[in-house]
Structure formats: structure tokens, C-alpha cells
N, C-alpha and C. Protein backbone atom coordinates (compact mmCIF):
# COMPACT_ATOMS: atom_id res chain seq x y z
N UNK A 1 180.09 139.25 -11.14
CA UNK A 1 179.83 140.66 -11.43
C UNK A 1 178.82 141.20 -10.43
N UNK A 2 179.11 142.38 -9.93
CA UNK A 2 178.24 143.04 -8.96
C UNK A 2 177.28 143.94 -9.71
N UNK A 3 175.98 143.75 -9.49
CA UNK A 3 174.98 144.57 -10.17
C UNK A 3 174.10 145.24 -9.12
N UNK A 4 174.35 146.53 -8.85
CA UNK A 4 173.53 147.25 -7.88
C UNK A 4 172.11 147.45 -8.41
N UNK A 5 171.16 147.68 -7.53
CA UNK A 5 169.78 147.93 -7.96
C UNK A 5 169.70 149.15 -8.87
N UNK A 6 168.66 149.20 -9.68
CA UNK A 6 168.44 150.37 -10.54
C UNK A 6 168.27 151.62 -9.68
N UNK A 7 168.57 152.76 -10.26
CA UNK A 7 168.49 154.06 -9.58
C UNK A 7 169.41 154.15 -8.37
N UNK A 8 170.51 153.41 -8.40
CA UNK A 8 171.50 153.44 -7.33
C UNK A 8 172.25 154.75 -7.45
N UNK A 9 172.45 155.46 -6.35
CA UNK A 9 173.06 156.80 -6.38
C UNK A 9 174.58 156.77 -6.48
N UNK A 10 175.20 155.69 -6.12
CA UNK A 10 176.66 155.64 -6.04
C UNK A 10 177.32 155.70 -7.42
N UNK A 11 178.56 156.26 -7.44
CA UNK A 11 179.38 156.30 -8.64
C UNK A 11 180.56 155.38 -8.39
N UNK A 12 180.47 154.14 -8.88
CA UNK A 12 181.58 153.20 -8.60
C UNK A 12 182.87 153.61 -9.29
N UNK A 13 183.99 153.26 -8.66
CA UNK A 13 185.30 153.47 -9.27
C UNK A 13 185.34 152.68 -10.57
N UNK A 14 185.85 153.29 -11.62
CA UNK A 14 185.89 152.60 -12.92
C UNK A 14 186.76 151.36 -12.84
N UNK A 15 186.46 150.38 -13.68
CA UNK A 15 187.23 149.13 -13.68
C UNK A 15 188.70 149.37 -14.00
N UNK A 16 188.97 150.27 -14.94
CA UNK A 16 190.36 150.56 -15.32
C UNK A 16 191.12 151.15 -14.13
N UNK A 17 190.51 152.12 -13.45
CA UNK A 17 191.16 152.75 -12.30
C UNK A 17 191.34 151.74 -11.16
N UNK A 18 190.32 150.93 -10.92
CA UNK A 18 190.39 149.93 -9.85
C UNK A 18 191.50 148.91 -10.13
N UNK A 19 191.59 148.46 -11.37
CA UNK A 19 192.64 147.50 -11.74
C UNK A 19 194.03 148.11 -11.54
N UNK A 20 194.19 149.36 -11.95
CA UNK A 20 195.48 150.04 -11.79
C UNK A 20 195.82 150.21 -10.31
N UNK A 21 194.85 150.61 -9.51
CA UNK A 21 195.07 150.78 -8.08
C UNK A 21 195.53 149.48 -7.43
N UNK A 22 194.84 148.39 -7.74
CA UNK A 22 195.21 147.12 -7.11
C UNK A 22 196.52 146.56 -7.65
N UNK A 23 196.90 146.91 -8.87
CA UNK A 23 198.22 146.54 -9.36
C UNK A 23 199.31 147.23 -8.54
N UNK A 24 199.10 148.50 -8.21
CA UNK A 24 200.05 149.23 -7.37
C UNK A 24 200.13 148.58 -5.99
N UNK A 25 198.98 148.33 -5.38
CA UNK A 25 198.94 147.80 -4.02
C UNK A 25 199.49 146.38 -3.93
N UNK A 26 199.23 145.55 -4.94
CA UNK A 26 199.71 144.16 -4.91
C UNK A 26 201.23 144.08 -4.89
N UNK A 27 201.89 145.10 -5.45
CA UNK A 27 203.35 145.09 -5.50
C UNK A 27 203.99 145.69 -4.25
N UNK A 28 203.17 146.28 -3.38
CA UNK A 28 203.73 146.96 -2.22
C UNK A 28 203.17 146.48 -0.88
N UNK A 29 202.11 145.67 -0.91
CA UNK A 29 201.46 145.27 0.34
C UNK A 29 201.15 143.77 0.36
N UNK A 30 201.21 143.20 1.55
CA UNK A 30 200.81 141.81 1.76
C UNK A 30 199.37 141.87 2.30
N UNK A 31 198.41 141.58 1.42
CA UNK A 31 197.00 141.76 1.77
C UNK A 31 196.57 140.93 2.98
N UNK A 32 197.09 139.74 3.14
CA UNK A 32 196.64 138.87 4.23
C UNK A 32 196.93 139.46 5.61
N UNK A 33 197.79 140.45 5.67
CA UNK A 33 198.13 141.09 6.95
C UNK A 33 197.43 142.43 7.15
N UNK A 34 196.59 142.83 6.20
CA UNK A 34 196.00 144.16 6.19
C UNK A 34 194.63 144.24 6.87
N UNK A 35 194.43 145.34 7.59
CA UNK A 35 193.11 145.75 8.03
C UNK A 35 192.78 146.99 7.21
N UNK A 36 191.67 146.93 6.48
CA UNK A 36 191.33 147.97 5.51
C UNK A 36 190.03 148.65 5.88
N UNK A 37 189.99 149.96 5.71
CA UNK A 37 188.79 150.75 5.91
C UNK A 37 188.40 151.36 4.57
N UNK A 38 187.16 151.15 4.18
CA UNK A 38 186.62 151.71 2.94
C UNK A 38 185.55 152.72 3.33
N UNK A 39 185.88 154.01 3.20
CA UNK A 39 184.95 155.09 3.54
C UNK A 39 184.16 155.51 2.31
N UNK A 40 182.90 155.89 2.51
CA UNK A 40 182.01 156.28 1.42
C UNK A 40 181.93 155.10 0.43
N UNK A 41 181.58 153.94 0.93
CA UNK A 41 181.71 152.68 0.19
C UNK A 41 180.84 152.55 -1.05
N UNK A 42 179.72 153.25 -1.12
CA UNK A 42 178.87 153.19 -2.32
C UNK A 42 178.39 151.79 -2.63
N UNK A 43 178.82 151.24 -3.75
CA UNK A 43 178.41 149.89 -4.14
C UNK A 43 179.20 148.83 -3.38
N UNK A 44 180.31 149.22 -2.76
CA UNK A 44 181.14 148.28 -2.03
C UNK A 44 182.21 147.62 -2.88
N UNK A 45 182.36 148.04 -4.13
CA UNK A 45 183.27 147.35 -5.04
C UNK A 45 184.71 147.32 -4.54
N UNK A 46 185.18 148.40 -3.93
CA UNK A 46 186.54 148.41 -3.39
C UNK A 46 186.64 147.46 -2.20
N UNK A 47 185.62 147.46 -1.34
CA UNK A 47 185.61 146.53 -0.20
C UNK A 47 185.67 145.08 -0.68
N UNK A 48 184.90 144.74 -1.70
CA UNK A 48 184.90 143.37 -2.21
C UNK A 48 186.27 142.99 -2.77
N UNK A 49 186.92 143.94 -3.43
CA UNK A 49 188.26 143.68 -3.98
C UNK A 49 189.25 143.35 -2.86
N UNK A 50 189.24 144.16 -1.81
CA UNK A 50 190.14 143.90 -0.69
C UNK A 50 189.78 142.58 0.00
N UNK A 51 188.49 142.34 0.23
CA UNK A 51 188.05 141.12 0.92
C UNK A 51 188.40 139.88 0.11
N UNK A 52 188.23 139.95 -1.22
CA UNK A 52 188.53 138.79 -2.06
C UNK A 52 190.02 138.50 -2.13
N UNK A 53 190.85 139.48 -1.77
CA UNK A 53 192.30 139.28 -1.71
C UNK A 53 192.73 138.82 -0.32
N UNK A 54 191.75 138.42 0.46
CA UNK A 54 191.94 137.81 1.78
C UNK A 54 192.60 138.72 2.80
N UNK A 55 192.24 140.00 2.76
CA UNK A 55 192.69 140.90 3.83
C UNK A 55 192.16 140.37 5.16
N UNK A 56 192.92 140.63 6.20
CA UNK A 56 192.53 140.16 7.53
C UNK A 56 191.14 140.69 7.90
N UNK A 57 190.93 141.99 7.65
CA UNK A 57 189.66 142.62 8.00
C UNK A 57 189.39 143.76 7.02
N UNK A 58 188.14 143.87 6.58
CA UNK A 58 187.71 144.98 5.73
C UNK A 58 186.47 145.58 6.38
N UNK A 59 186.52 146.87 6.65
CA UNK A 59 185.39 147.58 7.24
C UNK A 59 184.87 148.56 6.20
N UNK A 60 183.60 148.43 5.89
CA UNK A 60 182.96 149.25 4.87
C UNK A 60 181.99 150.22 5.55
N UNK A 61 182.19 151.52 5.32
CA UNK A 61 181.36 152.55 5.94
C UNK A 61 180.55 153.25 4.86
N UNK A 62 179.23 153.24 5.02
CA UNK A 62 178.34 153.87 4.05
C UNK A 62 177.16 154.49 4.79
N UNK A 63 176.87 155.74 4.49
CA UNK A 63 175.80 156.48 5.16
C UNK A 63 174.42 156.16 4.58
N UNK A 64 174.34 155.94 3.28
CA UNK A 64 173.07 155.68 2.61
C UNK A 64 172.58 154.26 2.94
N UNK A 65 171.34 154.15 3.42
CA UNK A 65 170.83 152.85 3.84
C UNK A 65 170.79 151.83 2.70
N UNK A 66 170.33 152.23 1.53
CA UNK A 66 170.24 151.29 0.40
C UNK A 66 171.62 150.75 0.02
N UNK A 67 172.60 151.61 0.01
CA UNK A 67 173.97 151.19 -0.32
C UNK A 67 174.51 150.26 0.76
N UNK A 68 174.33 150.65 2.01
CA UNK A 68 174.78 149.82 3.13
C UNK A 68 174.14 148.43 3.07
N UNK A 69 172.83 148.37 2.84
CA UNK A 69 172.13 147.09 2.77
C UNK A 69 172.64 146.25 1.60
N UNK A 70 172.92 146.90 0.47
CA UNK A 70 173.44 146.20 -0.69
C UNK A 70 174.82 145.59 -0.39
N UNK A 71 175.67 146.34 0.29
CA UNK A 71 177.00 145.84 0.65
C UNK A 71 176.87 144.64 1.57
N UNK A 72 176.02 144.74 2.59
CA UNK A 72 175.83 143.61 3.52
C UNK A 72 175.33 142.37 2.79
N UNK A 73 174.33 142.56 1.92
CA UNK A 73 173.76 141.42 1.18
C UNK A 73 174.80 140.80 0.25
N UNK A 74 175.57 141.64 -0.43
CA UNK A 74 176.57 141.13 -1.37
C UNK A 74 177.69 140.40 -0.63
N UNK A 75 178.12 140.93 0.50
CA UNK A 75 179.15 140.27 1.30
C UNK A 75 178.67 138.88 1.75
N UNK A 76 177.41 138.80 2.15
CA UNK A 76 176.84 137.51 2.55
C UNK A 76 176.73 136.57 1.35
N UNK A 77 176.28 137.08 0.22
CA UNK A 77 176.12 136.29 -1.00
C UNK A 77 177.45 135.64 -1.41
N UNK A 78 178.54 136.40 -1.32
CA UNK A 78 179.86 135.91 -1.72
C UNK A 78 180.66 135.33 -0.54
N UNK A 79 180.00 135.21 0.61
CA UNK A 79 180.61 134.60 1.80
C UNK A 79 181.92 135.29 2.19
N UNK A 80 181.90 136.61 2.16
CA UNK A 80 183.08 137.40 2.52
C UNK A 80 183.04 137.66 4.03
N UNK A 81 183.50 136.69 4.79
CA UNK A 81 183.43 136.76 6.25
C UNK A 81 184.37 137.81 6.85
N UNK A 82 185.35 138.25 6.07
CA UNK A 82 186.28 139.26 6.55
C UNK A 82 185.80 140.68 6.29
N UNK A 83 184.59 140.83 5.74
CA UNK A 83 184.03 142.15 5.44
C UNK A 83 182.89 142.46 6.38
N UNK A 84 182.97 143.62 7.05
CA UNK A 84 181.89 144.10 7.92
C UNK A 84 181.43 145.44 7.39
N UNK A 85 180.12 145.60 7.23
CA UNK A 85 179.56 146.86 6.75
C UNK A 85 178.85 147.57 7.90
N UNK A 86 179.02 148.89 7.93
CA UNK A 86 178.37 149.71 8.95
C UNK A 86 177.68 150.88 8.27
N UNK A 87 176.45 151.16 8.70
CA UNK A 87 175.75 152.35 8.23
C UNK A 87 176.16 153.49 9.15
N UNK A 88 177.00 154.37 8.64
CA UNK A 88 177.55 155.44 9.47
C UNK A 88 178.04 156.59 8.61
N UNK A 89 178.14 157.74 9.22
CA UNK A 89 178.74 158.90 8.60
C UNK A 89 180.26 158.74 8.66
N UNK A 90 180.93 158.89 7.55
CA UNK A 90 182.38 158.67 7.48
C UNK A 90 183.15 159.59 8.43
N UNK A 91 182.79 160.85 8.50
CA UNK A 91 183.52 161.79 9.36
C UNK A 91 183.35 161.42 10.84
N UNK A 92 182.15 161.02 11.23
CA UNK A 92 181.93 160.60 12.62
C UNK A 92 182.70 159.33 12.92
N UNK A 93 182.71 158.39 11.96
CA UNK A 93 183.44 157.15 12.16
C UNK A 93 184.93 157.43 12.36
N UNK A 94 185.49 158.28 11.52
CA UNK A 94 186.91 158.64 11.63
C UNK A 94 187.20 159.22 13.02
N UNK A 95 186.34 160.12 13.47
CA UNK A 95 186.57 160.82 14.73
C UNK A 95 186.41 159.92 15.95
N UNK A 96 185.53 158.92 15.87
CA UNK A 96 185.19 158.14 17.07
C UNK A 96 185.74 156.72 17.09
N UNK A 97 186.23 156.22 15.99
CA UNK A 97 186.67 154.83 15.94
C UNK A 97 187.91 154.58 16.79
N UNK A 98 187.91 153.45 17.48
CA UNK A 98 189.10 153.04 18.23
C UNK A 98 189.93 152.04 17.43
N UNK A 99 189.44 151.65 16.26
CA UNK A 99 190.18 150.72 15.41
C UNK A 99 191.29 151.47 14.66
N UNK A 100 192.31 150.73 14.24
CA UNK A 100 193.36 151.27 13.39
C UNK A 100 193.45 150.41 12.14
N UNK A 101 193.83 151.05 11.04
CA UNK A 101 193.84 150.37 9.75
C UNK A 101 195.17 150.56 9.04
N UNK A 102 195.54 149.54 8.26
CA UNK A 102 196.75 149.56 7.45
C UNK A 102 196.55 150.40 6.20
N UNK A 103 195.35 150.27 5.62
CA UNK A 103 194.98 151.04 4.43
C UNK A 103 193.60 151.63 4.65
N UNK A 104 193.48 152.91 4.36
CA UNK A 104 192.18 153.57 4.36
C UNK A 104 191.96 154.08 2.94
N UNK A 105 190.83 153.69 2.38
CA UNK A 105 190.44 154.15 1.04
C UNK A 105 189.17 154.96 1.19
N UNK A 106 189.11 156.13 0.57
CA UNK A 106 187.92 156.98 0.61
C UNK A 106 187.54 157.39 -0.80
N UNK A 107 186.29 157.14 -1.14
CA UNK A 107 185.76 157.55 -2.45
C UNK A 107 184.47 158.34 -2.22
N UNK A 108 184.62 159.57 -1.72
CA UNK A 108 183.42 160.38 -1.45
C UNK A 108 182.80 160.87 -2.75
N UNK A 109 181.55 161.33 -2.68
CA UNK A 109 180.98 161.97 -3.86
C UNK A 109 181.90 163.13 -4.28
N UNK A 110 182.16 163.24 -5.56
CA UNK A 110 183.09 164.28 -6.03
C UNK A 110 182.61 165.69 -5.69
N UNK A 111 181.30 165.85 -5.47
CA UNK A 111 180.78 167.18 -5.16
C UNK A 111 180.56 167.38 -3.65
N UNK A 112 181.10 166.49 -2.83
CA UNK A 112 180.96 166.60 -1.38
C UNK A 112 181.66 167.88 -0.91
N UNK A 113 180.95 168.80 -0.27
CA UNK A 113 181.58 170.06 0.15
C UNK A 113 182.79 169.88 1.07
N UNK A 114 182.80 168.82 1.89
CA UNK A 114 183.87 168.60 2.85
C UNK A 114 184.98 167.71 2.30
N UNK A 115 184.98 167.40 1.02
CA UNK A 115 185.97 166.46 0.45
C UNK A 115 187.40 166.87 0.78
N UNK A 116 187.71 168.13 0.68
CA UNK A 116 189.09 168.58 0.91
C UNK A 116 189.52 168.43 2.38
N UNK A 117 188.57 168.22 3.28
CA UNK A 117 188.87 168.09 4.70
C UNK A 117 189.18 166.64 5.11
N UNK A 118 188.95 165.69 4.23
CA UNK A 118 189.10 164.28 4.57
C UNK A 118 190.54 163.93 4.98
N UNK A 119 191.57 164.33 4.22
CA UNK A 119 192.93 163.98 4.66
C UNK A 119 193.26 164.50 6.06
N UNK A 120 192.88 165.74 6.36
CA UNK A 120 193.16 166.28 7.70
C UNK A 120 192.41 165.49 8.77
N UNK A 121 191.18 165.09 8.49
CA UNK A 121 190.40 164.31 9.46
C UNK A 121 191.08 162.97 9.74
N UNK A 122 191.56 162.32 8.69
CA UNK A 122 192.23 161.03 8.86
C UNK A 122 193.49 161.19 9.69
N UNK A 123 194.32 162.16 9.36
CA UNK A 123 195.60 162.32 10.06
C UNK A 123 195.46 162.95 11.45
N UNK A 124 194.35 163.60 11.73
CA UNK A 124 194.11 164.16 13.07
C UNK A 124 193.60 163.09 14.03
N UNK A 125 193.08 162.01 13.48
CA UNK A 125 192.57 160.91 14.31
C UNK A 125 193.69 159.89 14.53
N UNK A 126 193.36 158.82 15.22
CA UNK A 126 194.33 157.75 15.46
C UNK A 126 193.93 156.52 14.65
N UNK A 127 193.28 156.71 13.52
CA UNK A 127 192.67 155.62 12.77
C UNK A 127 193.63 154.93 11.79
N UNK A 128 194.66 155.64 11.33
CA UNK A 128 195.63 155.08 10.39
C UNK A 128 196.87 154.64 11.15
N UNK A 129 197.29 153.40 10.91
CA UNK A 129 198.49 152.89 11.56
C UNK A 129 199.69 153.75 11.13
N UNK A 130 200.73 153.86 11.98
CA UNK A 130 201.89 154.70 11.65
C UNK A 130 202.54 154.37 10.30
N UNK A 131 202.50 153.12 9.88
CA UNK A 131 203.07 152.76 8.58
C UNK A 131 201.98 152.59 7.52
N UNK A 132 200.79 153.13 7.81
CA UNK A 132 199.64 152.95 6.94
C UNK A 132 199.62 153.85 5.73
N UNK A 133 198.66 153.56 4.87
CA UNK A 133 198.49 154.28 3.61
C UNK A 133 197.05 154.75 3.51
N UNK A 134 196.86 156.03 3.20
CA UNK A 134 195.53 156.59 2.98
C UNK A 134 195.42 156.95 1.50
N UNK A 135 194.35 156.49 0.86
CA UNK A 135 194.12 156.75 -0.57
C UNK A 135 192.79 157.47 -0.71
N UNK A 136 192.80 158.61 -1.36
CA UNK A 136 191.60 159.40 -1.59
C UNK A 136 191.32 159.47 -3.09
N UNK A 137 190.14 159.02 -3.48
CA UNK A 137 189.72 159.15 -4.87
C UNK A 137 188.99 160.48 -5.02
N UNK A 138 189.32 161.20 -6.10
CA UNK A 138 188.71 162.52 -6.31
C UNK A 138 188.80 162.89 -7.78
N UNK A 139 188.18 163.99 -8.12
CA UNK A 139 188.22 164.50 -9.49
C UNK A 139 189.45 165.39 -9.69
N UNK A 140 189.63 165.87 -10.89
CA UNK A 140 190.76 166.76 -11.20
C UNK A 140 190.59 168.15 -10.59
N UNK A 141 189.46 168.43 -9.98
CA UNK A 141 189.22 169.72 -9.34
C UNK A 141 190.02 169.89 -8.05
N UNK A 142 190.64 168.83 -7.58
CA UNK A 142 191.37 168.88 -6.31
C UNK A 142 192.85 168.60 -6.54
N UNK A 143 193.67 169.31 -5.75
CA UNK A 143 195.11 169.10 -5.78
C UNK A 143 195.59 169.04 -4.33
N UNK A 144 196.01 167.88 -3.91
CA UNK A 144 196.44 167.68 -2.53
C UNK A 144 197.97 167.66 -2.39
N UNK A 145 198.68 168.03 -3.43
CA UNK A 145 200.14 167.92 -3.42
C UNK A 145 200.81 168.78 -2.34
N UNK A 146 200.15 169.80 -1.85
CA UNK A 146 200.73 170.65 -0.80
C UNK A 146 200.43 170.11 0.60
N UNK A 147 199.60 169.07 0.70
CA UNK A 147 199.28 168.51 2.01
C UNK A 147 200.55 167.90 2.62
N UNK A 148 200.79 168.12 3.91
CA UNK A 148 202.03 167.63 4.52
C UNK A 148 202.21 166.11 4.46
N UNK A 149 201.14 165.37 4.29
CA UNK A 149 201.24 163.91 4.24
C UNK A 149 201.06 163.35 2.83
N UNK A 150 201.01 164.22 1.85
CA UNK A 150 200.85 163.77 0.45
C UNK A 150 202.08 162.98 0.03
N UNK A 151 201.83 161.90 -0.69
CA UNK A 151 202.93 161.06 -1.17
C UNK A 151 203.00 161.06 -2.69
N UNK A 152 201.87 160.72 -3.35
CA UNK A 152 201.88 160.70 -4.81
C UNK A 152 200.47 160.76 -5.36
N UNK A 153 200.38 161.08 -6.64
CA UNK A 153 199.11 161.15 -7.36
C UNK A 153 199.17 160.20 -8.54
N UNK A 154 198.10 159.47 -8.75
CA UNK A 154 197.92 158.64 -9.94
C UNK A 154 196.57 159.00 -10.52
N UNK A 155 196.53 159.20 -11.83
CA UNK A 155 195.23 159.49 -12.43
C UNK A 155 194.98 158.58 -13.63
N UNK A 156 193.72 158.22 -13.76
CA UNK A 156 193.24 157.32 -14.80
C UNK A 156 191.98 157.94 -15.38
N UNK A 157 192.19 158.72 -16.44
CA UNK A 157 191.11 159.47 -17.08
C UNK A 157 190.53 160.45 -16.06
N UNK A 158 189.28 160.30 -15.68
CA UNK A 158 188.65 161.25 -14.75
C UNK A 158 188.82 160.86 -13.29
N UNK A 159 189.44 159.73 -13.04
CA UNK A 159 189.64 159.24 -11.67
C UNK A 159 191.05 159.58 -11.22
N UNK A 160 191.15 160.25 -10.08
CA UNK A 160 192.44 160.62 -9.49
C UNK A 160 192.54 159.98 -8.11
N UNK A 161 193.70 159.38 -7.85
CA UNK A 161 193.99 158.81 -6.54
C UNK A 161 195.14 159.60 -5.94
N UNK A 162 194.88 160.24 -4.81
CA UNK A 162 195.96 160.87 -4.04
C UNK A 162 196.32 159.92 -2.92
N UNK A 163 197.62 159.63 -2.79
CA UNK A 163 198.13 158.72 -1.78
C UNK A 163 198.80 159.57 -0.70
N UNK A 164 198.56 159.19 0.55
CA UNK A 164 199.10 159.91 1.70
C UNK A 164 199.74 158.92 2.66
N UNK A 165 200.81 159.39 3.34
CA UNK A 165 201.49 158.61 4.38
C UNK A 165 201.95 159.55 5.47
N UNK A 166 202.19 158.99 6.65
CA UNK A 166 202.76 159.79 7.72
C UNK A 166 204.16 160.23 7.32
N UNK A 167 204.57 161.38 7.83
CA UNK A 167 205.90 161.92 7.54
C UNK A 167 206.78 161.75 8.76
N UNK A 168 208.07 161.53 8.54
CA UNK A 168 209.07 161.49 9.61
C UNK A 168 210.18 162.46 9.26
N UNK A 169 210.38 163.44 10.08
CA UNK A 169 211.46 164.43 9.88
C UNK A 169 211.40 165.04 8.48
N UNK A 170 210.19 165.31 8.01
CA UNK A 170 210.03 165.95 6.71
C UNK A 170 210.21 165.03 5.52
N UNK A 171 210.44 163.73 5.77
CA UNK A 171 210.62 162.79 4.67
C UNK A 171 209.46 161.82 4.63
N UNK A 172 209.10 161.40 3.46
CA UNK A 172 208.01 160.43 3.31
C UNK A 172 208.47 159.07 3.80
N UNK A 173 207.60 158.42 4.57
CA UNK A 173 207.86 157.06 5.01
C UNK A 173 207.62 156.15 3.83
N UNK A 174 208.60 155.35 3.46
CA UNK A 174 208.44 154.46 2.30
C UNK A 174 208.50 153.02 2.71
């Protein structure tokens, strides 16, 4: 069990939502072949889930120093050699990274003013592989169904996951 320090600012993805998300992914992806990016990592719980499923590489991006340090310490504690944590701004990382990922997961603060811009930032960069999947966690205040790369929505109580993929000739890549 991961126990962040007291007064930790992050809002971790609920266990029920996380379990449902990984049930979906386990039936559609071979984790051992995946390079995963976890943006706005917070406690790092999503990164640990991917790393423990033996993804090839997991990159955890967190701007807050305490959260970043916690992720690094926890990864070392659990000997997750496939997890690398970076203290960085998610938008800058997206814009400047030369790496490409099979899955990008983003769990920004629900009140982040730029939250609605995240899908466009991901698809405007070269960070998602052509057959990749982008997952954005958000509240019910957002509806991304009109986004050209929107694929599907799953919600678990107050947690909503919007899934995005590249489009080919107006059809979703499946």
C-alpha cells in the first residue's frame, strides 16, 4: 500500500476507477511492449500500476517537488527499475519531448484552467505513437466527445476517463 505524506496535495485516482481502467487496458494491450507516460503524476499510483505490470518504460512527470520526490522514493523502495520520474511541467514536457509513448495517461487537477487544452497539446506534438492511446482523467464538468480524436468515455462515480486515438480518414483507429 502506498501512503503519501500527510498534507499531500494530490488527489489520487480512486481504487475503483483505477481497477476498472486497468481491466480495460489488460484486455486490449500487451503491457510488456508498452512505453507509458504519466502526466500530472501526483502520488504516482498510476505509474506504479503500469510499472508493476512490467511495462517496458514508465515516465512519470510531476511539477510539485514533494510529489516528484515521493514518486522517486517509492519507485526505489519497490525496485521499479522501469519507472523514471521527472520534476517538470507537463505542458513543457509534451512540447519538448523527443520520446514517443504507446499510452499517455493524464490526471491533472480537476480545477486546472488549461485542462481542456491537454488533448490538443498531446495531438499537436509527436509524443503519442500513431497507434497509441491517450487517456485523460477529469470531472463531469468536461465533455470531450466533440474532439476529433475522441474515442470513448468511461465514468466511475466522480471519475471520468476520456480515451483518445489518432483518426484515419475520419474513422477511429481500433
